[in-house]
């Protein structure tokens, strides 16, 4: 049962279509892109620090953290590309 839950959590964490509340990918405003670049940059920094601090007893959580980090990297890349296209 635990493996099924973990698999579902990792699938959810890595879902590239999952957006943060208020995130509008089709925004035509460069300021919106800058805002989301800042948000995802901060989230990535925080999650990387968490992942680095995982102890041996918490190693089972590492795949979930890595899935979150990969998704956030993708969202950050999206907003950086979006800003390039808007400016």
N, C-alpha and C. Protein backbone atom coordinates (compact mmCIF):
# COMPACT_ATOMS: atom_id res chain seq x y z
N UNK A 1 0.82 -1.20 0.00
CA UNK A 1 0.00 0.00 0.00
C UNK A 1 0.86 1.27 0.00
N UNK A 2 1.93 1.24 0.77
CA UNK A 2 2.82 2.40 0.86
C UNK A 2 3.44 2.71 -0.50
N UNK A 3 3.85 1.68 -1.25
CA UNK A 3 4.46 1.91 -2.56
C UNK A 3 3.48 2.57 -3.53
N UNK A 4 2.21 2.15 -3.48
CA UNK A 4 1.19 2.75 -4.35
C UNK A 4 1.02 4.22 -4.02
N UNK A 5 0.93 4.53 -2.72
CA UNK A 5 0.79 5.93 -2.31
C UNK A 5 1.99 6.75 -2.73
N UNK A 6 3.18 6.20 -2.55
CA UNK A 6 4.39 6.91 -2.94
C UNK A 6 4.43 7.15 -4.44
N UNK A 7 4.03 6.16 -5.22
CA UNK A 7 4.01 6.30 -6.67
C UNK A 7 3.03 7.38 -7.08
N UNK A 8 1.86 7.40 -6.47
CA UNK A 8 0.86 8.43 -6.78
C UNK A 8 1.36 9.82 -6.38
N UNK A 9 1.99 9.92 -5.23
CA UNK A 9 2.53 11.22 -4.79
C UNK A 9 3.61 11.72 -5.74
N UNK A 10 4.47 10.83 -6.19
CA UNK A 10 5.53 11.23 -7.12
C UNK A 10 4.91 11.64 -8.46
N UNK A 11 3.90 10.92 -8.92
CA UNK A 11 3.23 11.29 -10.17
C UNK A 11 2.61 12.68 -10.04
N UNK A 12 1.96 12.96 -8.91
CA UNK A 12 1.35 14.27 -8.67
C UNK A 12 2.43 15.35 -8.62
N UNK A 13 3.51 15.08 -7.90
CA UNK A 13 4.57 16.07 -7.72
C UNK A 13 5.25 16.42 -9.03
N UNK A 14 5.32 15.47 -9.94
CA UNK A 14 6.05 15.70 -11.18
C UNK A 14 5.15 16.11 -12.34
N UNK A 15 3.86 16.24 -12.11
CA UNK A 15 2.91 16.57 -13.18
C UNK A 15 3.21 17.97 -13.74
N UNK A 16 3.69 18.04 -14.99
CA UNK A 16 4.07 19.34 -15.55
C UNK A 16 2.89 20.27 -15.81
N UNK A 17 1.68 19.73 -15.82
CA UNK A 17 0.51 20.58 -16.06
C UNK A 17 -0.04 21.19 -14.76
N UNK A 18 0.51 20.78 -13.63
CA UNK A 18 0.05 21.32 -12.35
C UNK A 18 0.65 22.70 -12.14
N UNK A 19 -0.22 23.69 -11.98
CA UNK A 19 0.20 25.08 -11.82
C UNK A 19 -0.06 25.55 -10.39
N UNK A 20 0.63 26.58 -9.99
CA UNK A 20 0.37 27.20 -8.70
C UNK A 20 -0.87 28.09 -8.82
N UNK A 21 -1.57 28.32 -7.70
CA UNK A 21 -2.74 29.21 -7.74
C UNK A 21 -2.36 30.58 -8.30
N UNK A 22 -3.15 31.04 -9.27
CA UNK A 22 -2.93 32.34 -9.88
C UNK A 22 -2.00 32.32 -11.08
N UNK A 23 -1.36 31.21 -11.32
CA UNK A 23 -0.43 31.11 -12.44
C UNK A 23 -1.22 31.00 -13.75
N UNK A 24 -0.99 31.96 -14.64
CA UNK A 24 -1.68 31.99 -15.93
C UNK A 24 -0.64 31.93 -17.04
N UNK A 25 -0.38 30.73 -17.56
CA UNK A 25 0.69 30.56 -18.54
C UNK A 25 0.56 31.38 -19.81
N UNK A 26 -0.64 31.78 -20.14
CA UNK A 26 -0.85 32.53 -21.38
C UNK A 26 -0.84 34.05 -21.17
N UNK A 27 -0.43 34.49 -20.00
CA UNK A 27 -0.37 35.92 -19.72
C UNK A 27 0.48 36.63 -20.77
N UNK A 28 0.04 37.79 -21.15
CA UNK A 28 0.76 38.59 -22.15
C UNK A 28 1.66 39.66 -21.52
N UNK A 29 1.80 39.61 -20.20
CA UNK A 29 2.54 40.64 -19.48
C UNK A 29 3.90 40.14 -19.02
N UNK A 30 4.94 40.86 -19.39
CA UNK A 30 6.30 40.49 -18.99
C UNK A 30 6.44 40.52 -17.46
N UNK A 31 5.73 41.43 -16.80
CA UNK A 31 5.80 41.48 -15.33
C UNK A 31 5.27 40.20 -14.70
N UNK A 32 4.27 39.59 -15.30
CA UNK A 32 3.77 38.31 -14.80
C UNK A 32 4.85 37.25 -14.92
N UNK A 33 5.52 37.21 -16.05
CA UNK A 33 6.60 36.23 -16.25
C UNK A 33 7.71 36.46 -15.23
N UNK A 34 8.07 37.71 -15.01
CA UNK A 34 9.11 38.02 -14.00
C UNK A 34 8.67 37.57 -12.61
N UNK A 35 7.41 37.78 -12.29
CA UNK A 35 6.89 37.35 -11.00
C UNK A 35 7.05 35.84 -10.82
N UNK A 36 6.64 35.07 -11.84
CA UNK A 36 6.70 33.61 -11.72
C UNK A 36 8.13 33.09 -11.76
N UNK A 37 9.01 33.79 -12.44
CA UNK A 37 10.43 33.43 -12.39
C UNK A 37 10.94 33.58 -10.96
N UNK A 38 10.57 34.66 -10.31
CA UNK A 38 10.98 34.88 -8.92
C UNK A 38 10.37 33.82 -7.99
N UNK A 39 9.10 33.52 -8.18
CA UNK A 39 8.42 32.52 -7.33
C UNK A 39 9.09 31.17 -7.48
N UNK A 40 9.26 30.71 -8.71
CA UNK A 40 9.84 29.39 -8.91
C UNK A 40 11.31 29.35 -8.52
N UNK A 41 12.03 30.43 -8.69
CA UNK A 41 13.43 30.47 -8.25
C UNK A 41 13.51 30.30 -6.74
N UNK A 42 12.65 30.98 -6.02
CA UNK A 42 12.64 30.86 -4.56
C UNK A 42 12.21 29.47 -4.11
N UNK A 43 11.17 28.93 -4.73
CA UNK A 43 10.71 27.58 -4.39
C UNK A 43 11.80 26.54 -4.66
N UNK A 44 12.48 26.69 -5.78
CA UNK A 44 13.56 25.76 -6.10
C UNK A 44 14.68 25.83 -5.07
N UNK A 45 15.06 27.02 -4.70
CA UNK A 45 16.11 27.19 -3.70
C UNK A 45 15.72 26.51 -2.39
N UNK A 46 14.51 26.76 -1.94
CA UNK A 46 14.02 26.17 -0.69
C UNK A 46 13.99 24.65 -0.78
N UNK A 47 13.44 24.11 -1.86
CA UNK A 47 13.32 22.66 -1.99
C UNK A 47 14.68 21.98 -2.15
N UNK A 48 15.61 22.64 -2.81
CA UNK A 48 16.97 22.08 -2.90
C UNK A 48 17.62 22.01 -1.52
N UNK A 49 17.40 23.03 -0.71
CA UNK A 49 17.94 23.01 0.65
C UNK A 49 17.31 21.88 1.46
N UNK A 50 16.00 21.68 1.29
CA UNK A 50 15.34 20.57 1.98
C UNK A 50 15.91 19.23 1.54
N UNK A 51 16.08 19.06 0.24
CA UNK A 51 16.59 17.80 -0.29
C UNK A 51 18.00 17.52 0.23
N UNK A 52 18.80 18.56 0.32
CA UNK A 52 20.17 18.39 0.82
C UNK A 52 20.18 18.01 2.30
N UNK A 53 19.15 18.40 3.03
CA UNK A 53 19.09 18.13 4.46
C UNK A 53 18.42 16.82 4.83
N UNK A 54 18.01 16.05 3.83
CA UNK A 54 17.34 14.78 4.12
C UNK A 54 18.34 13.81 4.75
N UNK A 55 17.94 13.24 5.85
CA UNK A 55 18.80 12.31 6.57
C UNK A 55 18.55 10.88 6.08
N UNK A 56 19.37 9.97 6.55
CA UNK A 56 19.24 8.56 6.15
C UNK A 56 17.84 8.05 6.46
N UNK A 57 17.29 8.41 7.59
CA UNK A 57 15.94 7.95 7.95
C UNK A 57 14.87 8.52 7.03
N UNK A 58 15.16 9.58 6.34
CA UNK A 58 14.17 10.23 5.48
C UNK A 58 14.43 9.98 3.99
N UNK A 59 15.34 9.09 3.66
CA UNK A 59 15.71 8.88 2.26
C UNK A 59 14.54 8.47 1.39
N UNK A 60 13.52 7.87 1.98
CA UNK A 60 12.35 7.49 1.19
C UNK A 60 11.64 8.73 0.62
N UNK A 61 11.84 9.88 1.23
CA UNK A 61 11.22 11.13 0.77
C UNK A 61 11.98 11.77 -0.39
N UNK A 62 13.19 11.33 -0.64
CA UNK A 62 14.02 11.97 -1.66
C UNK A 62 13.42 11.89 -3.07
N UNK A 63 12.87 10.76 -3.52
CA UNK A 63 12.27 10.75 -4.86
C UNK A 63 11.13 11.76 -5.00
N UNK A 64 10.35 11.94 -3.96
CA UNK A 64 9.27 12.93 -3.99
C UNK A 64 9.83 14.34 -4.11
N UNK A 65 10.85 14.64 -3.34
CA UNK A 65 11.49 15.96 -3.40
C UNK A 65 12.09 16.19 -4.79
N UNK A 66 12.73 15.17 -5.34
CA UNK A 66 13.33 15.30 -6.67
C UNK A 66 12.26 15.54 -7.73
N UNK A 67 11.11 14.89 -7.58
CA UNK A 67 10.01 15.10 -8.53
C UNK A 67 9.52 16.55 -8.46
N UNK A 68 9.37 17.08 -7.24
CA UNK A 68 8.97 18.49 -7.08
C UNK A 68 10.00 19.41 -7.74
N UNK A 69 11.25 19.14 -7.50
CA UNK A 69 12.32 19.99 -8.03
C UNK A 69 12.33 19.96 -9.56
N UNK A 70 12.17 18.78 -10.14
CA UNK A 70 12.14 18.67 -11.60
C UNK A 70 10.96 19.45 -12.19
N UNK A 71 9.79 19.35 -11.55
CA UNK A 71 8.61 20.08 -12.04
C UNK A 71 8.85 21.58 -11.95
N UNK A 72 9.38 22.02 -10.83
CA UNK A 72 9.64 23.45 -10.67
C UNK A 72 10.69 23.95 -11.65
N UNK A 73 11.68 23.14 -11.95
CA UNK A 73 12.66 23.51 -12.97
C UNK A 73 11.97 23.70 -14.32
N UNK A 74 11.04 22.81 -14.63
CA UNK A 74 10.30 22.93 -15.88
C UNK A 74 9.46 24.19 -15.93
N UNK A 75 8.79 24.52 -14.81
CA UNK A 75 7.97 25.73 -14.76
C UNK A 75 8.86 26.97 -14.86
N UNK A 76 10.01 26.96 -14.21
CA UNK A 76 10.94 28.09 -14.29
C UNK A 76 11.42 28.26 -15.73
N UNK A 77 11.78 27.17 -16.38
CA UNK A 77 12.19 27.23 -17.78
C UNK A 77 11.08 27.82 -18.65
N UNK A 78 9.84 27.38 -18.38
CA UNK A 78 8.70 27.89 -19.15
C UNK A 78 8.62 29.40 -19.02
N UNK A 79 8.67 29.92 -17.79
CA UNK A 79 8.50 31.36 -17.57
C UNK A 79 9.69 32.15 -18.10
N UNK A 80 10.87 31.58 -18.06
CA UNK A 80 12.02 32.28 -18.65
C UNK A 80 11.86 32.37 -20.16
N UNK A 81 11.41 31.28 -20.79
CA UNK A 81 11.14 31.32 -22.23
C UNK A 81 10.02 32.29 -22.55
N UNK A 82 8.99 32.29 -21.70
CA UNK A 82 7.84 33.18 -21.91
C UNK A 82 8.29 34.64 -21.86
N UNK A 83 9.14 34.95 -20.87
CA UNK A 83 9.64 36.33 -20.76
C UNK A 83 10.44 36.70 -22.00
N UNK A 84 11.28 35.79 -22.48
CA UNK A 84 12.04 36.06 -23.69
C UNK A 84 11.12 36.36 -24.87
N UNK A 85 10.01 35.66 -24.95
CA UNK A 85 9.07 35.88 -26.06
C UNK A 85 8.26 37.16 -25.90
N UNK A 86 8.11 37.64 -24.68
CA UNK A 86 7.31 38.84 -24.43
C UNK A 86 8.13 40.12 -24.50
N UNK A 87 9.44 40.00 -24.42
CA UNK A 87 10.27 41.20 -24.41
C UNK A 87 11.07 41.34 -25.69
